[in-house]
Structures are given as C-alpha cells and as structure tokens.
C-alpha cells in the first residue's frame, strides 16, 4: 500500500533540518520503502517540511518508518500525518 507522509517543520527549525539532512537522506536511501520524497517549500523556496510516499505493507510499517526518520528523532517536525494514498497518475 502507498502512504503519504506529510510533515511540517517547527517554526525556526531550519538549522535542525540542515544538521540532520545527511542522515535523513541516508535513511531514505537505506530502505526499499520510499517511492518518492522531497521537501515542502515556502514562498521563498526555503525548506519547511517533507512529503514522502512510502510503499509499505500496512500503516504500522509506515509509522515505524516515520518514527525512525532522523528528522523525527531530532524533533524537527511540528506535525506528521500518515494517509493511505491511491496513485491515479504517474
């Protein structure tokens, strides 16, 4: 099943994002669960969150993946939602 992980950074947390970005990218590449991923951007092009499409067996696996993301462990996110997603195009 595909799951959309939408995460919004805490205000003023850009330094946390920058410090943990290499570990986060390594984590994305270390599993076969990530179908697509990229940062959410503000009007000026600054990173303010993440959108990750996970290909997982169930929501428990998606939650476990999200909990182990270095960004989550560093306390970057103000909010995280996991939503079952149905790809229609692409």
PDB file of N, CA and C in Angstrom:
ATOM      1  N   UNK A   1       0.839  -1.178   0.000  1.00  0.00           N
ATOM      2  CA  UNK A   1       0.000   0.000   0.000  1.00  0.00           C
ATOM      3  C   UNK A   1       0.882   1.238   0.000  1.00  0.00           C
ATOM      4  N   UNK A   2       0.372   2.283  -0.601  1.00  0.00           N
ATOM      5  CA  UNK A   2       1.103   3.550  -0.622  1.00  0.00           C
ATOM      6  C   UNK A   2       0.572   4.447   0.483  1.00  0.00           C
ATOM      7  N   UNK A   3       1.498   5.109   1.175  1.00  0.00           N
ATOM      8  CA  UNK A   3       1.157   6.003   2.277  1.00  0.00           C
ATOM      9  C   UNK A   3       1.880   7.324   2.060  1.00  0.00           C
ATOM     10  N   UNK A   4       1.122   8.423   2.134  1.00  0.00           N
ATOM     11  CA  UNK A   4       1.708   9.761   2.049  1.00  0.00           C
ATOM     12  C   UNK A   4       2.044  10.230   3.459  1.00  0.00           C
ATOM     13  N   UNK A   5       3.317  10.524   3.676  1.00  0.00           N
ATOM     14  CA  UNK A   5       3.778  11.105   4.921  1.00  0.00           C
ATOM     15  C   UNK A   5       3.960  12.592   4.670  1.00  0.00           C
ATOM     16  N   UNK A   6       3.172  13.399   5.361  1.00  0.00           N
ATOM     17  CA  UNK A   6       3.282  14.861   5.257  1.00  0.00           C
ATOM     18  C   UNK A   6       3.763  15.370   6.602  1.00  0.00           C
ATOM     19  N   UNK A   7       4.911  16.027   6.596  1.00  0.00           N
ATOM     20  CA  UNK A   7       5.487  16.538   7.829  1.00  0.00           C
ATOM     21  C   UNK A   7       5.764  18.032   7.678  1.00  0.00           C
ATOM     22  N   UNK A   8       5.371  18.783   8.684  1.00  0.00           N
ATOM     23  CA  UNK A   8       5.618  20.223   8.688  1.00  0.00           C
ATOM     24  C   UNK A   8       6.594  20.537   9.823  1.00  0.00           C
ATOM     25  N   UNK A   9       7.646  21.285   9.482  1.00  0.00           N
ATOM     26  CA  UNK A   9       8.689  21.629  10.450  1.00  0.00           C
ATOM     27  C   UNK A   9       8.166  22.583  11.517  1.00  0.00           C
ATOM     28  N   UNK A  10       8.778  22.525  12.692  1.00  0.00           N
ATOM     29  CA  UNK A  10       8.522  23.511  13.727  1.00  0.00           C
ATOM     30  C   UNK A  10       9.021  24.864  13.220  1.00  0.00           C
ATOM     31  N   UNK A  11       8.369  25.950  13.573  1.00  0.00           N
ATOM     32  CA  UNK A  11       8.875  27.271  13.169  1.00  0.00           C
ATOM     33  C   UNK A  11      10.305  27.474  13.683  1.00  0.00           C
ATOM     34  N   UNK A  12      11.140  28.033  12.831  1.00  0.00           N
ATOM     35  CA  UNK A  12      12.511  28.352  13.211  1.00  0.00           C
ATOM     36  C   UNK A  12      13.436  27.161  13.341  1.00  0.00           C
ATOM     37  N   UNK A  13      13.062  26.029  12.729  1.00  0.00           N
ATOM     38  CA  UNK A  13      13.843  24.795  12.889  1.00  0.00           C
ATOM     39  C   UNK A  13      14.745  24.480  11.695  1.00  0.00           C
ATOM     40  N   UNK A  14      15.032  25.474  10.874  1.00  0.00           N
ATOM     41  CA  UNK A  14      15.845  25.215   9.683  1.00  0.00           C
ATOM     42  C   UNK A  14      17.220  24.643  10.038  1.00  0.00           C
ATOM     43  N   UNK A  15      17.829  25.097  11.116  1.00  0.00           N
ATOM     44  CA  UNK A  15      19.148  24.574  11.494  1.00  0.00           C
ATOM     45  C   UNK A  15      19.068  23.092  11.864  1.00  0.00           C
ATOM     46  N   UNK A  16      17.987  22.679  12.536  1.00  0.00           N
ATOM     47  CA  UNK A  16      17.799  21.254  12.846  1.00  0.00           C
ATOM     48  C   UNK A  16      17.717  20.457  11.558  1.00  0.00           C
ATOM     49  N   UNK A  17      16.970  20.993  10.587  1.00  0.00           N
ATOM     50  CA  UNK A  17      16.846  20.325   9.288  1.00  0.00           C
ATOM     51  C   UNK A  17      18.212  20.206   8.627  1.00  0.00           C
ATOM     52  N   UNK A  18      18.963  21.290   8.572  1.00  0.00           N
ATOM     53  CA  UNK A  18      20.266  21.267   7.907  1.00  0.00           C
ATOM     54  C   UNK A  18      21.231  20.297   8.588  1.00  0.00           C
ATOM     55  N   UNK A  19      21.262  20.313   9.911  1.00  0.00           N
ATOM     56  CA  UNK A  19      22.180  19.446  10.659  1.00  0.00           C
ATOM     57  C   UNK A  19      21.878  17.966  10.451  1.00  0.00           C
ATOM     58  N   UNK A  20      20.614  17.637  10.275  1.00  0.00           N
ATOM     59  CA  UNK A  20      20.201  16.236  10.179  1.00  0.00           C
ATOM     60  C   UNK A  20      19.922  15.772   8.755  1.00  0.00           C
ATOM     61  N   UNK A  21      20.069  16.661   7.788  1.00  0.00           N
ATOM     62  CA  UNK A  21      19.756  16.323   6.389  1.00  0.00           C
ATOM     63  C   UNK A  21      20.591  15.145   5.858  1.00  0.00           C
ATOM     64  N   UNK A  22      21.913  15.095   6.065  1.00  0.00           N
ATOM     65  CA  UNK A  22      22.679  13.953   5.550  1.00  0.00           C
ATOM     66  C   UNK A  22      22.180  12.612   6.105  1.00  0.00           C
ATOM     67  N   UNK A  23      21.899  12.556   7.403  1.00  0.00           N
ATOM     68  CA  UNK A  23      21.402  11.308   7.998  1.00  0.00           C
ATOM     69  C   UNK A  23      20.015  10.968   7.465  1.00  0.00           C
ATOM     70  N   UNK A  24      19.185  11.984   7.279  1.00  0.00           N
ATOM     71  CA  UNK A  24      17.841  11.776   6.720  1.00  0.00           C
ATOM     72  C   UNK A  24      17.928  11.208   5.303  1.00  0.00           C
ATOM     73  N   UNK A  25      18.771  11.795   4.470  1.00  0.00           N
ATOM     74  CA  UNK A  25      18.917  11.314   3.089  1.00  0.00           C
ATOM     75  C   UNK A  25      19.469   9.891   3.062  1.00  0.00           C
ATOM     76  N   UNK A  26      20.417   9.594   3.926  1.00  0.00           N
ATOM     77  CA  UNK A  26      20.931   8.222   4.023  1.00  0.00           C
ATOM     78  C   UNK A  26      19.818   7.262   4.409  1.00  0.00           C
ATOM     79  N   UNK A  27      18.965   7.673   5.346  1.00  0.00           N
ATOM     80  CA  UNK A  27      17.849   6.837   5.785  1.00  0.00           C
ATOM     81  C   UNK A  27      16.878   6.586   4.630  1.00  0.00           C
ATOM     82  N   UNK A  28      16.556   7.638   3.874  1.00  0.00           N
ATOM     83  CA  UNK A  28      15.661   7.484   2.718  1.00  0.00           C
ATOM     84  C   UNK A  28      16.200   6.428   1.752  1.00  0.00           C
ATOM     85  N   UNK A  29      17.503   6.475   1.519  1.00  0.00           N
ATOM     86  CA  UNK A  29      18.128   5.574   0.552  1.00  0.00           C
ATOM     87  C   UNK A  29      18.373   4.179   1.108  1.00  0.00           C
ATOM     88  N   UNK A  30      18.333   4.027   2.434  1.00  0.00           N
ATOM     89  CA  UNK A  30      18.691   2.754   3.048  1.00  0.00           C
ATOM     90  C   UNK A  30      17.562   1.733   3.071  1.00  0.00           C
ATOM     91  N   UNK A  31      16.344   2.162   2.768  1.00  0.00           N
ATOM     92  CA  UNK A  31      15.214   1.229   2.766  1.00  0.00           C
ATOM     93  C   UNK A  31      14.633   1.158   1.367  1.00  0.00           C
ATOM     94  N   UNK A  32      13.888   0.096   1.117  1.00  0.00           N
ATOM     95  CA  UNK A  32      13.218  -0.026  -0.178  1.00  0.00           C
ATOM     96  C   UNK A  32      11.765   0.425  -0.076  1.00  0.00           C
ATOM     97  N   UNK A  33      11.425   1.162   0.964  1.00  0.00           N
ATOM     98  CA  UNK A  33      10.050   1.599   1.202  1.00  0.00           C
ATOM     99  C   UNK A  33       9.716   2.961   0.606  1.00  0.00           C
ATOM    100  N   UNK A  34      10.717   3.736   0.205  1.00  0.00           N
ATOM    101  CA  UNK A  34      10.477   5.104  -0.262  1.00  0.00           C
ATOM    102  C   UNK A  34      10.264   5.109  -1.772  1.00  0.00           C
ATOM    103  N   UNK A  35       9.040   5.457  -2.175  1.00  0.00           N
ATOM    104  CA  UNK A  35       8.718   5.545  -3.605  1.00  0.00           C
ATOM    105  C   UNK A  35       9.082   6.921  -4.170  1.00  0.00           C
ATOM    106  N   UNK A  36       8.827   7.963  -3.390  1.00  0.00           N
ATOM    107  CA  UNK A  36       9.137   9.334  -3.780  1.00  0.00           C
ATOM    108  C   UNK A  36       9.363  10.142  -2.512  1.00  0.00           C
ATOM    109  N   UNK A  37      10.147  11.197  -2.621  1.00  0.00           N
ATOM    110  CA  UNK A  37      10.386  12.042  -1.453  1.00  0.00           C
ATOM    111  C   UNK A  37      10.924  13.396  -1.879  1.00  0.00           C
ATOM    112  N   UNK A  38      10.617  14.393  -1.083  1.00  0.00           N
ATOM    113  CA  UNK A  38      11.161  15.718  -1.314  1.00  0.00           C
ATOM    114  C   UNK A  38      10.671  16.696  -0.276  1.00  0.00           C
ATOM    115  N   UNK A  39      11.353  17.841  -0.174  1.00  0.00           N
ATOM    116  CA  UNK A  39      10.974  18.841   0.819  1.00  0.00           C
ATOM    117  C   UNK A  39       9.760  19.659   0.373  1.00  0.00           C
ATOM    118  N   UNK A  40       8.997  20.114   1.361  1.00  0.00           N
ATOM    119  CA  UNK A  40       7.974  21.127   1.125  1.00  0.00           C
ATOM    120  C   UNK A  40       8.668  22.477   1.214  1.00  0.00           C
ATOM    121  N   UNK A  41       8.269  23.414   0.354  1.00  0.00           N
ATOM    122  CA  UNK A  41       8.944  24.706   0.271  1.00  0.00           C
ATOM    123  C   UNK A  41       8.001  25.853   0.592  1.00  0.00           C
ATOM    124  N   UNK A  42       8.546  26.901   1.188  1.00  0.00           N
ATOM    125  CA  UNK A  42       7.756  28.111   1.405  1.00  0.00           C
ATOM    126  C   UNK A  42       7.816  28.987   0.154  1.00  0.00           C
ATOM    127  N   UNK A  43       7.201  30.166   0.211  1.00  0.00           N
ATOM    128  CA  UNK A  43       7.125  31.062  -0.947  1.00  0.00           C
ATOM    129  C   UNK A  43       8.496  31.514  -1.432  1.00  0.00           C
ATOM    130  N   UNK A  44       9.495  31.485  -0.557  1.00  0.00           N
ATOM    131  CA  UNK A  44      10.852  31.900  -0.928  1.00  0.00           C
ATOM    132  C   UNK A  44      11.735  30.724  -1.339  1.00  0.00           C
ATOM    133  N   UNK A  45      11.171  29.519  -1.372  1.00  0.00           N
ATOM    134  CA  UNK A  45      11.947  28.338  -1.745  1.00  0.00           C
ATOM    135  C   UNK A  45      12.668  27.674  -0.587  1.00  0.00           C
ATOM    136  N   UNK A  46      12.425  28.129   0.631  1.00  0.00           N
ATOM    137  CA  UNK A  46      13.052  27.522   1.807  1.00  0.00           C
ATOM    138  C   UNK A  46      12.333  26.245   2.221  1.00  0.00           C
ATOM    139  N   UNK A  47      13.080  25.276   2.740  1.00  0.00           N
ATOM    140  CA  UNK A  47      12.506  24.001   3.164  1.00  0.00           C
ATOM    141  C   UNK A  47      11.734  24.171   4.471  1.00  0.00           C
ATOM    142  N   UNK A  48      10.474  23.707   4.477  1.00  0.00           N
ATOM    143  CA  UNK A  48       9.618  23.863   5.662  1.00  0.00           C
ATOM    144  C   UNK A  48       8.903  22.569   6.041  1.00  0.00           C
ATOM    145  N   UNK A  49       9.229  21.493   5.374  1.00  0.00           N
ATOM    146  CA  UNK A  49       8.569  20.226   5.672  1.00  0.00           C
ATOM    147  C   UNK A  49       8.999  19.159   4.692  1.00  0.00           C
ATOM    148  N   UNK A  50       8.313  18.026   4.750  1.00  0.00           N
ATOM    149  CA  UNK A  50       8.649  16.891   3.890  1.00  0.00           C
ATOM    150  C   UNK A  50       7.393  16.200   3.393  1.00  0.00           C
ATOM    151  N   UNK A  51       7.453  15.713   2.163  1.00  0.00           N
ATOM    152  CA  UNK A  51       6.443  14.825   1.599  1.00  0.00           C
ATOM    153  C   UNK A  51       7.167  13.569   1.169  1.00  0.00           C
ATOM    154  N   UNK A  52       6.755  12.434   1.725  1.00  0.00           N
ATOM    155  CA  UNK A  52       7.380  11.156   1.396  1.00  0.00           C
ATOM    156  C   UNK A  52       6.276  10.172   1.080  1.00  0.00           C
ATOM    157  N   UNK A  53       6.378   9.506  -0.053  1.00  0.00           N
ATOM    158  CA  UNK A  53       5.438   8.445  -0.410  1.00  0.00           C
ATOM    159  C   UNK A  53       6.120   7.126  -0.083  1.00  0.00           C
ATOM    160  N   UNK A  54       5.533   6.406   0.861  1.00  0.00           N
ATOM    161  CA  UNK A  54       6.064   5.116   1.287  1.00  0.00           C
ATOM    162  C   UNK A  54       5.281   3.991   0.642  1.00  0.00           C
ATOM    163  N   UNK A  55       5.965   2.942   0.259  1.00  0.00           N
ATOM    164  CA  UNK A  55       5.337   1.722  -0.258  1.00  0.00           C
ATOM    165  C   UNK A  55       5.560   0.652   0.809  1.00  0.00           C
ATOM    166  N   UNK A  56       4.519   0.395   1.599  1.00  0.00           N
ATOM    167  CA  UNK A  56       4.634  -0.446   2.787  1.00  0.00           C
ATOM    168  C   UNK A  56       3.504  -1.477   2.838  1.00  0.00           C
ATOM    169  N   UNK A  57       3.657  -2.447   3.709  1.00  0.00           N
ATOM    170  CA  UNK A  57       2.639  -3.488   3.865  1.00  0.00           C
ATOM    171  C   UNK A  57       1.396  -2.967   4.578  1.00  0.00           C
ATOM    172  N   UNK A  58       1.592  -2.066   5.558  1.00  0.00           N
ATOM    173  CA  UNK A  58       0.459  -1.570   6.344  1.00  0.00           C
ATOM    174  C   UNK A  58       0.851  -0.275   7.053  1.00  0.00           C
ATOM    175  N   UNK A  59      -0.114   0.318   7.745  1.00  0.00           N
ATOM    176  CA  UNK A  59       0.134   1.591   8.423  1.00  0.00           C
ATOM    177  C   UNK A  59       1.119   1.444   9.583  1.00  0.00           C
ATOM    178  N   UNK A  60       1.156   0.284  10.200  1.00  0.00           N
ATOM    179  CA  UNK A  60       2.122   0.062  11.277  1.00  0.00           C
ATOM    180  C   UNK A  60       3.544   0.175  10.747  1.00  0.00           C
ATOM    181  N   UNK A  61       3.792  -0.407   9.584  1.00  0.00           N
ATOM    182  CA  UNK A  61       5.123  -0.308   8.976  1.00  0.00           C
ATOM    183  C   UNK A  61       5.439   1.141   8.616  1.00  0.00           C
ATOM    184  N   UNK A  62       4.454   1.874   8.118  1.00  0.00           N
ATOM    185  CA  UNK A  62       4.656   3.290   7.792  1.00  0.00           C
ATOM    186  C   UNK A  62       4.985   4.087   9.049  1.00  0.00           C
ATOM    187  N   UNK A  63       4.265   3.824  10.138  1.00  0.00           N
ATOM    188  CA  UNK A  63       4.513   4.541  11.391  1.00  0.00           C
ATOM    189  C   UNK A  63       5.898   4.229  11.936  1.00  0.00           C
ATOM    190  N   UNK A  64       6.300   2.971  11.866  1.00  0.00           N
ATOM    191  CA  UNK A  64       7.645   2.593  12.326  1.00  0.00           C
ATOM    192  C   UNK A  64       8.713   3.290  11.499  1.00  0.00           C
ATOM    193  N   UNK A  65       8.509   3.359  10.179  1.00  0.00           N
ATOM    194  CA  UNK A  65       9.463   4.043   9.313  1.00  0.00           C
ATOM    195  C   UNK A  65       9.545   5.520   9.718  1.00  0.00           C
ATOM    196  N   UNK A  66       8.392   6.144   9.900  1.00  0.00           N
ATOM    197  CA  UNK A  66       8.348   7.569  10.256  1.00  0.00           C
ATOM    198  C   UNK A  66       9.023   7.823  11.603  1.00  0.00           C
ATOM    199  N   UNK A  67       8.795   6.958  12.567  1.00  0.00           N
ATOM    200  CA  UNK A  67       9.384   7.137  13.901  1.00  0.00           C
ATOM    201  C   UNK A  67      10.905   7.057  13.878  1.00  0.00           C
ATOM    202  N   UNK A  68      11.466   6.323  12.917  1.00  0.00           N
ATOM    203  CA  UNK A  68      12.918   6.128  12.855  1.00  0.00           C
ATOM    204  C   UNK A  68      13.636   7.091  11.927  1.00  0.00           C
ATOM    205  N   UNK A  69      12.891   7.981  11.283  1.00  0.00           N
ATOM    206  CA  UNK A  69      13.496   9.002  10.430  1.00  0.00           C
ATOM    207  C   UNK A  69      14.359   9.916  11.316  1.00  0.00           C
ATOM    208  N   UNK A  70      15.610  10.163  10.939  1.00  0.00           N
ATOM    209  CA  UNK A  70      16.459  11.056  11.732  1.00  0.00           C
ATOM    210  C   UNK A  70      15.846  12.438  11.981  1.00  0.00           C
ATOM    211  N   UNK A  71      15.071  12.951  11.052  1.00  0.00           N
ATOM    212  CA  UNK A  71      14.388  14.225  11.285  1.00  0.00           C
ATOM    213  C   UNK A  71      13.425  14.105  12.463  1.00  0.00           C
ATOM    214  N   UNK A  72      12.656  13.035  12.498  1.00  0.00           N
ATOM    215  CA  UNK A  72      11.708  12.834  13.604  1.00  0.00           C
ATOM    216  C   UNK A  72      12.456  12.679  14.919  1.00  0.00           C
ATOM    217  N   UNK A  73      13.520  11.908  14.908  1.00  0.00           N
ATOM    218  CA  UNK A  73      14.300  11.688  16.134  1.00  0.00           C
ATOM    219  C   UNK A  73      14.932  12.984  16.640  1.00  0.00           C
ATOM    220  N   UNK A  74      15.224  13.906  15.727  1.00  0.00           N
ATOM    221  CA  UNK A  74      15.831  15.188  16.111  1.00  0.00           C
ATOM    222  C   UNK A  74      14.789  16.202  16.570  1.00  0.00           C
ATOM    223  N   UNK A  75      13.514  15.870  16.482  1.00  0.00           N
ATOM    224  CA  UNK A  75      12.462  16.783  16.908  1.00  0.00           C
ATOM    225  C   UNK A  75      12.176  17.904  15.930  1.00  0.00           C
ATOM    226  N   UNK A  76      12.433  17.679  14.640  1.00  0.00           N
ATOM    227  CA  UNK A  76      12.233  18.710  13.623  1.00  0.00           C
ATOM    228  C   UNK A  76      10.771  19.051  13.389  1.00  0.00           C
ATOM    229  N   UNK A  77       9.900  18.068  13.448  1.00  0.00           N
ATOM    230  CA  UNK A  77       8.538  18.255  12.956  1.00  0.00           C
ATOM    231  C   UNK A  77       7.566  18.784  14.000  1.00  0.00           C
ATOM    232  N   UNK A  78       6.741  19.729  13.552  1.00  0.00           N
ATOM    233  CA  UNK A  78       5.625  20.226  14.347  1.00  0.00           C
ATOM    234  C   UNK A  78       4.455  19.253  14.242  1.00  0.00           C
ATOM    235  N   UNK A  79       4.284  18.694  13.035  1.00  0.00           N
ATOM    236  CA  UNK A  79       3.197  17.739  12.825  1.00  0.00           C
ATOM    237  C   UNK A  79       3.596  16.743  11.743  1.00  0.00           C
ATOM    238  N   UNK A  80       3.057  15.537  11.870  1.00  0.00           N
ATOM    239  CA  UNK A  80       3.272  14.474  10.884  1.00  0.00           C
ATOM    240  C   UNK A  80       1.939  13.751  10.700  1.00  0.00           C
ATOM    241  N   UNK A  81       1.533  13.581   9.444  1.00  0.00           N
ATOM    242  CA  UNK A  81       0.353  12.781   9.161  1.00  0.00           C
ATOM    243  C   UNK A  81       0.731  11.666   8.204  1.00  0.00           C
ATOM    244  N   UNK A  82       0.110  10.528   8.388  1.00  0.00           N
ATOM    245  CA  UNK A  82       0.258   9.386   7.508  1.00  0.00           C
ATOM    246  C   UNK A  82      -1.126   9.072   6.950  1.00  0.00           C
ATOM    247  N   UNK A  83      -1.238   9.089   5.613  1.00  0.00           N
ATOM    248  CA  UNK A  83      -2.525   8.888   4.973  1.00  0.00           C
ATOM    249  C   UNK A  83      -2.380   7.873   3.858  1.00  0.00           C
ATOM    250  N   UNK A  84      -3.255   6.857   3.854  1.00  0.00           N
ATOM    251  CA  UNK A  84      -3.280   5.895   2.755  1.00  0.00           C
ATOM    252  C   UNK A  84      -3.523   6.685   1.467  1.00  0.00           C
ATOM    253  N   UNK A  85      -2.717   6.414   0.455  1.00  0.00           N
ATOM    254  CA  UNK A  85      -2.753   7.206  -0.776  1.00  0.00           C
ATOM    255  C   UNK A  85      -2.951   6.284  -1.954  1.00  0.00           C
ATOM    256  N   UNK A  86      -3.764   6.708  -2.920  1.00  0.00           N
ATOM    257  CA  UNK A  86      -4.040   5.939  -4.133  1.00  0.00           C
ATOM    258  C   UNK A  86      -3.469   6.672  -5.336  1.00  0.00           C
ATOM    259  N   UNK A  87      -2.445   6.089  -5.939  1.00  0.00           N
ATOM    260  CA  UNK A  87      -1.842   6.706  -7.130  1.00  0.00           C
ATOM    261  C   UNK A  87      -2.813   6.518  -8.304  1.00  0.00           C
ATOM    262  N   UNK A  88      -3.159   7.622  -8.962  1.00  0.00           N
ATOM    263  CA  UNK A  88      -4.036   7.571 -10.128  1.00  0.00           C
ATOM    264  C   UNK A  88      -3.246   7.849 -11.398  1.00  0.00           C
ATOM    265  N   UNK A  89      -2.317   8.792 -11.331  1.00  0.00           N
ATOM    266  CA  UNK A  89      -1.498   9.163 -12.480  1.00  0.00           C
ATOM    267  C   UNK A  89      -0.032   9.114 -12.047  1.00  0.00           C
ATOM    268  N   UNK A  90       0.814   8.587 -12.939  1.00  0.00           N
ATOM    269  CA  UNK A  90       2.239   8.616 -12.678  1.00  0.00           C
ATOM    270  C   UNK A  90       2.817   7.315 -12.217  1.00  0.00           C
TER     271      UNK A  90
END
